[in-house]
Amino acid sequence: MGSRDQVCLACDGRGLLMDDEEWQYTCKICNGDGFMPQHTNVANRQLADTDEMNRILD
């Protein structure tokens, strides 16, 4: 893993996010890479497509 300043803060470098029911999703911030320089802006501000249980759909 790269240096701590390059790790995605949203997924902590894992590339996956988990909800309270332990469903895992690809991180939308780093696109599953796990790395994102902390000095860059998040350009992907589009709404996520969700189902009736508010789970993110791919």
PDB file of N, CA and C in Angstrom:
ATOM      1  N   MET A   1       0.852  -1.189   0.000  1.00  0.00           N
ATOM      2  CA  MET A   1       0.000   0.000   0.000  1.00  0.00           C
ATOM      3  C   MET A   1       0.881   1.229   0.000  1.00  0.00           C
ATOM      4  N   GLY A   2       0.426   2.298  -0.618  1.00  0.00           N
ATOM      5  CA  GLY A   2       1.179   3.536  -0.726  1.00  0.00           C
ATOM      6  C   GLY A   2       1.238   4.279   0.591  1.00  0.00           C
ATOM      7  N   SER A   3       1.800   5.446   0.547  1.00  0.00           N
ATOM      8  CA  SER A   3       1.903   6.240   1.756  1.00  0.00           C
ATOM      9  C   SER A   3       0.516   6.680   2.223  1.00  0.00           C
ATOM     10  N   ARG A   4       0.412   6.991   3.481  1.00  0.00           N
ATOM     11  CA  ARG A   4      -0.882   7.323   4.094  1.00  0.00           C
ATOM     12  C   ARG A   4      -1.543   8.539   3.448  1.00  0.00           C
ATOM     13  N   ASP A   5      -0.770   9.477   2.897  1.00  0.00           N
ATOM     14  CA  ASP A   5      -1.376  10.658   2.292  1.00  0.00           C
ATOM     15  C   ASP A   5      -1.978  10.363   0.920  1.00  0.00           C
ATOM     16  N   GLN A   6      -1.785   9.163   0.374  1.00  0.00           N
ATOM     17  CA  GLN A   6      -2.359   8.780  -0.910  1.00  0.00           C
ATOM     18  C   GLN A   6      -3.565   7.851  -0.754  1.00  0.00           C
ATOM     19  N   VAL A   7      -3.848   7.388   0.455  1.00  0.00           N
ATOM     20  CA  VAL A   7      -4.932   6.440   0.696  1.00  0.00           C
ATOM     21  C   VAL A   7      -6.284   7.152   0.686  1.00  0.00           C
ATOM     22  N   CYS A   8      -7.275   6.537   0.056  1.00  0.00           N
ATOM     23  CA  CYS A   8      -8.631   7.091   0.034  1.00  0.00           C
ATOM     24  C   CYS A   8      -9.192   7.113   1.448  1.00  0.00           C
ATOM     25  N   LEU A   9      -9.658   8.271   1.874  1.00  0.00           N
ATOM     26  CA  LEU A   9     -10.201   8.396   3.228  1.00  0.00           C
ATOM     27  C   LEU A   9     -11.578   7.758   3.368  1.00  0.00           C
ATOM     28  N   ALA A  10     -12.313   7.657   2.281  1.00  0.00           N
ATOM     29  CA  ALA A  10     -13.665   7.098   2.353  1.00  0.00           C
ATOM     30  C   ALA A  10     -13.641   5.603   2.649  1.00  0.00           C
ATOM     31  N   CYS A  11     -12.735   4.866   2.009  1.00  0.00           N
ATOM     32  CA  CYS A  11     -12.691   3.406   2.183  1.00  0.00           C
ATOM     33  C   CYS A  11     -11.458   2.944   2.943  1.00  0.00           C
ATOM     34  N   ASP A  12     -10.631   3.861   3.388  1.00  0.00           N
ATOM     35  CA  ASP A  12      -9.401   3.577   4.123  1.00  0.00           C
ATOM     36  C   ASP A  12      -8.453   2.676   3.333  1.00  0.00           C
ATOM     37  N   GLY A  13      -8.450   2.850   2.013  1.00  0.00           N
ATOM     38  CA  GLY A  13      -7.518   2.127   1.163  1.00  0.00           C
ATOM     39  C   GLY A  13      -7.946   0.735   0.751  1.00  0.00           C
ATOM     40  N   ARG A  14      -9.118   0.281   1.173  1.00  0.00           N
ATOM     41  CA  ARG A  14      -9.583  -1.068   0.834  1.00  0.00           C
ATOM     42  C   ARG A  14     -10.273  -1.124  -0.517  1.00  0.00           C
ATOM     43  N   GLY A  15     -10.828  -0.004  -0.980  1.00  0.00           N
ATOM     44  CA  GLY A  15     -11.535   0.015  -2.254  1.00  0.00           C
ATOM     45  C   GLY A  15     -12.979  -0.424  -2.135  1.00  0.00           C
ATOM     46  N   LEU A  16     -13.386  -0.815  -0.933  1.00  0.00           N
ATOM     47  CA  LEU A  16     -14.756  -1.263  -0.693  1.00  0.00           C
ATOM     48  C   LEU A  16     -15.352  -0.502   0.480  1.00  0.00           C
ATOM     49  N   LEU A  17     -16.645  -0.258   0.397  1.00  0.00           N
ATOM     50  CA  LEU A  17     -17.408   0.305   1.504  1.00  0.00           C
ATOM     51  C   LEU A  17     -18.392  -0.752   1.968  1.00  0.00           C
ATOM     52  N   MET A  18     -18.771  -0.727   3.248  1.00  0.00           N
ATOM     53  CA  MET A  18     -19.694  -1.711   3.788  1.00  0.00           C
ATOM     54  C   MET A  18     -20.821  -1.000   4.522  1.00  0.00           C
ATOM     55  N   ASP A  19     -22.059  -1.469   4.305  1.00  0.00           N
ATOM     56  CA  ASP A  19     -23.183  -0.863   5.019  1.00  0.00           C
ATOM     57  C   ASP A  19     -23.426  -1.601   6.328  1.00  0.00           C
ATOM     58  N   ASP A  20     -24.475  -1.210   7.048  1.00  0.00           N
ATOM     59  CA  ASP A  20     -24.743  -1.801   8.355  1.00  0.00           C
ATOM     60  C   ASP A  20     -25.194  -3.258   8.286  1.00  0.00           C
ATOM     61  N   GLU A  21     -25.597  -3.736   7.125  1.00  0.00           N
ATOM     62  CA  GLU A  21     -25.954  -5.144   6.952  1.00  0.00           C
ATOM     63  C   GLU A  21     -24.790  -5.947   6.378  1.00  0.00           C
ATOM     64  N   GLU A  22     -23.615  -5.333   6.327  1.00  0.00           N
ATOM     65  CA  GLU A  22     -22.363  -5.919   5.856  1.00  0.00           C
ATOM     66  C   GLU A  22     -22.354  -6.247   4.365  1.00  0.00           C
ATOM     67  N   TRP A  23     -23.162  -5.535   3.582  1.00  0.00           N
ATOM     68  CA  TRP A  23     -23.070  -5.608   2.127  1.00  0.00           C
ATOM     69  C   TRP A  23     -21.873  -4.758   1.736  1.00  0.00           C
ATOM     70  N   GLN A  24     -21.054  -5.244   0.819  1.00  0.00           N
ATOM     71  CA  GLN A  24     -19.885  -4.499   0.388  1.00  0.00           C
ATOM     72  C   GLN A  24     -20.108  -3.910  -0.994  1.00  0.00           C
ATOM     73  N   TYR A  25     -19.611  -2.688  -1.170  1.00  0.00           N
ATOM     74  CA  TYR A  25     -19.765  -1.941  -2.412  1.00  0.00           C
ATOM     75  C   TYR A  25     -18.426  -1.357  -2.822  1.00  0.00           C
ATOM     76  N   THR A  26     -18.232  -1.194  -4.124  1.00  0.00           N
ATOM     77  CA  THR A  26     -17.043  -0.510  -4.624  1.00  0.00           C
ATOM     78  C   THR A  26     -17.106   0.943  -4.204  1.00  0.00           C
ATOM     79  N   CYS A  27     -16.008   1.455  -3.711  1.00  0.00           N
ATOM     80  CA  CYS A  27     -15.939   2.847  -3.279  1.00  0.00           C
ATOM     81  C   CYS A  27     -16.139   3.766  -4.480  1.00  0.00           C
ATOM     82  N   LYS A  28     -17.093   4.680  -4.392  1.00  0.00           N
ATOM     83  CA  LYS A  28     -17.385   5.615  -5.479  1.00  0.00           C
ATOM     84  C   LYS A  28     -16.403   6.789  -5.508  1.00  0.00           C
ATOM     85  N   ILE A  29     -15.666   7.004  -4.439  1.00  0.00           N
ATOM     86  CA  ILE A  29     -14.719   8.112  -4.379  1.00  0.00           C
ATOM     87  C   ILE A  29     -13.440   7.771  -5.151  1.00  0.00           C
ATOM     88  N   CYS A  30     -12.874   6.593  -4.895  1.00  0.00           N
ATOM     89  CA  CYS A  30     -11.618   6.204  -5.546  1.00  0.00           C
ATOM     90  C   CYS A  30     -11.830   5.176  -6.651  1.00  0.00           C
ATOM     91  N   ASN A  31     -13.096   4.825  -6.937  1.00  0.00           N
ATOM     92  CA  ASN A  31     -13.448   3.817  -7.950  1.00  0.00           C
ATOM     93  C   ASN A  31     -12.840   2.454  -7.660  1.00  0.00           C
ATOM     94  N   GLY A  32     -12.667   2.130  -6.392  1.00  0.00           N
ATOM     95  CA  GLY A  32     -12.160   0.824  -5.996  1.00  0.00           C
ATOM     96  C   GLY A  32     -10.655   0.699  -5.995  1.00  0.00           C
ATOM     97  N   ASP A  33      -9.937   1.765  -6.321  1.00  0.00           N
ATOM     98  CA  ASP A  33      -8.470   1.723  -6.342  1.00  0.00           C
ATOM     99  C   ASP A  33      -7.874   1.726  -4.937  1.00  0.00           C
ATOM    100  N   GLY A  34      -8.515   2.424  -4.028  1.00  0.00           N
ATOM    101  CA  GLY A  34      -7.991   2.548  -2.675  1.00  0.00           C
ATOM    102  C   GLY A  34      -7.035   3.716  -2.508  1.00  0.00           C
ATOM    103  N   PHE A  35      -6.665   4.363  -3.608  1.00  0.00           N
ATOM    104  CA  PHE A  35      -5.717   5.471  -3.548  1.00  0.00           C
ATOM    105  C   PHE A  35      -6.325   6.729  -4.136  1.00  0.00           C
ATOM    106  N   MET A  36      -6.093   7.827  -3.466  1.00  0.00           N
ATOM    107  CA  MET A  36      -6.541   9.118  -3.960  1.00  0.00           C
ATOM    108  C   MET A  36      -5.743  10.189  -3.232  1.00  0.00           C
ATOM    109  N   PRO A  37      -4.989  11.006  -3.963  1.00  0.00           N
ATOM    110  CA  PRO A  37      -4.248  12.071  -3.288  1.00  0.00           C
ATOM    111  C   PRO A  37      -5.199  12.968  -2.490  1.00  0.00           C
ATOM    112  N   GLN A  38      -4.822  13.299  -1.286  1.00  0.00           N
ATOM    113  CA  GLN A  38      -5.691  14.052  -0.388  1.00  0.00           C
ATOM    114  C   GLN A  38      -5.851  15.507  -0.801  1.00  0.00           C
ATOM    115  N   HIS A  39      -4.983  16.015  -1.661  1.00  0.00           N
ATOM    116  CA  HIS A  39      -5.066  17.413  -2.063  1.00  0.00           C
ATOM    117  C   HIS A  39      -5.952  17.609  -3.290  1.00  0.00           C
ATOM    118  N   THR A  40      -6.512  16.533  -3.861  1.00  0.00           N
ATOM    119  CA  THR A  40      -7.382  16.677  -5.025  1.00  0.00           C
ATOM    120  C   THR A  40      -8.832  16.820  -4.584  1.00  0.00           C
ATOM    121  N   ASN A  41      -9.649  17.382  -5.447  1.00  0.00           N
ATOM    122  CA  ASN A  41     -11.074  17.522  -5.187  1.00  0.00           C
ATOM    123  C   ASN A  41     -11.805  16.300  -5.710  1.00  0.00           C
ATOM    124  N   VAL A  42     -12.906  15.968  -5.080  1.00  0.00           N
ATOM    125  CA  VAL A  42     -13.739  14.876  -5.552  1.00  0.00           C
ATOM    126  C   VAL A  42     -14.577  15.395  -6.712  1.00  0.00           C
ATOM    127  N   ALA A  43     -14.334  14.852  -7.898  1.00  0.00           N
ATOM    128  CA  ALA A  43     -15.021  15.339  -9.090  1.00  0.00           C
ATOM    129  C   ALA A  43     -16.322  14.587  -9.341  1.00  0.00           C
ATOM    130  N   ASN A  44     -16.442  13.375  -8.826  1.00  0.00           N
ATOM    131  CA  ASN A  44     -17.619  12.551  -9.073  1.00  0.00           C
ATOM    132  C   ASN A  44     -18.680  12.864  -8.013  1.00  0.00           C
ATOM    133  N   ARG A  45     -19.519  13.817  -8.295  1.00  0.00           N
ATOM    134  CA  ARG A  45     -20.555  14.228  -7.348  1.00  0.00           C
ATOM    135  C   ARG A  45     -21.939  13.784  -7.793  1.00  0.00           C
ATOM    136  N   GLN A  46     -22.022  12.807  -8.690  1.00  0.00           N
ATOM    137  CA  GLN A  46     -23.321  12.341  -9.157  1.00  0.00           C
ATOM    138  C   GLN A  46     -23.992  11.474  -8.095  1.00  0.00           C
ATOM    139  N   LEU A  47     -25.309  11.472  -8.092  1.00  0.00           N
ATOM    140  CA  LEU A  47     -26.063  10.672  -7.146  1.00  0.00           C
ATOM    141  C   LEU A  47     -25.929   9.196  -7.489  1.00  0.00           C
ATOM    142  N   ALA A  48     -25.842   8.377  -6.472  1.00  0.00           N
ATOM    143  CA  ALA A  48     -25.753   6.940  -6.680  1.00  0.00           C
ATOM    144  C   ALA A  48     -27.148   6.376  -6.911  1.00  0.00           C
ATOM    145  N   ASP A  49     -27.251   5.390  -7.791  1.00  0.00           N
ATOM    146  CA  ASP A  49     -28.512   4.703  -8.048  1.00  0.00           C
ATOM    147  C   ASP A  49     -28.731   3.687  -6.926  1.00  0.00           C
ATOM    148  N   THR A  50     -29.866   3.768  -6.229  1.00  0.00           N
ATOM    149  CA  THR A  50     -30.119   2.880  -5.089  1.00  0.00           C
ATOM    150  C   THR A  50     -31.426   2.121  -5.269  1.00  0.00           C
ATOM    151  N   ASP A  51     -31.545   1.015  -4.536  1.00  0.00           N
ATOM    152  CA  ASP A  51     -32.792   0.266  -4.534  1.00  0.00           C
ATOM    153  C   ASP A  51     -33.686   0.743  -3.398  1.00  0.00           C
ATOM    154  N   GLU A  52     -34.800   0.066  -3.157  1.00  0.00           N
ATOM    155  CA  GLU A  52     -35.749   0.503  -2.129  1.00  0.00           C
ATOM    156  C   GLU A  52     -35.182   0.395  -0.703  1.00  0.00           C
ATOM    157  N   MET A  53     -34.102  -0.376  -0.520  1.00  0.00           N
ATOM    158  CA  MET A  53     -33.459  -0.503   0.787  1.00  0.00           C
ATOM    159  C   MET A  53     -32.259   0.447   0.902  1.00  0.00           C
ATOM    160  N   ASN A  54     -32.123   1.385  -0.068  1.00  0.00           N
ATOM    161  CA  ASN A  54     -31.026   2.353  -0.125  1.00  0.00           C
ATOM    162  C   ASN A  54     -29.661   1.708  -0.287  1.00  0.00           C
ATOM    163  N   ARG A  55     -29.604   0.551  -0.944  1.00  0.00           N
ATOM    164  CA  ARG A  55     -28.343  -0.078  -1.290  1.00  0.00           C
ATOM    165  C   ARG A  55     -27.911   0.437  -2.651  1.00  0.00           C
ATOM    166  N   ILE A  56     -26.636   0.699  -2.810  1.00  0.00           N
ATOM    167  CA  ILE A  56     -26.119   1.233  -4.068  1.00  0.00           C
ATOM    168  C   ILE A  56     -26.123   0.152  -5.126  1.00  0.00           C
ATOM    169  N   LEU A  57     -26.684   0.506  -6.296  1.00  0.00           N
ATOM    170  CA  LEU A  57     -26.714  -0.411  -7.435  1.00  0.00           C
ATOM    171  C   LEU A  57     -25.585  -0.042  -8.389  1.00  0.00           C
ATOM    172  N   ASP A  58     -24.958  -1.039  -8.997  1.00  0.00           N
ATOM    173  CA  ASP A  58     -23.896  -0.775  -9.970  1.00  0.00           C
ATOM    174  C   ASP A  58     -24.431  -0.694 -11.352  1.00  0.00           C
TER     175      ASP A  58
END
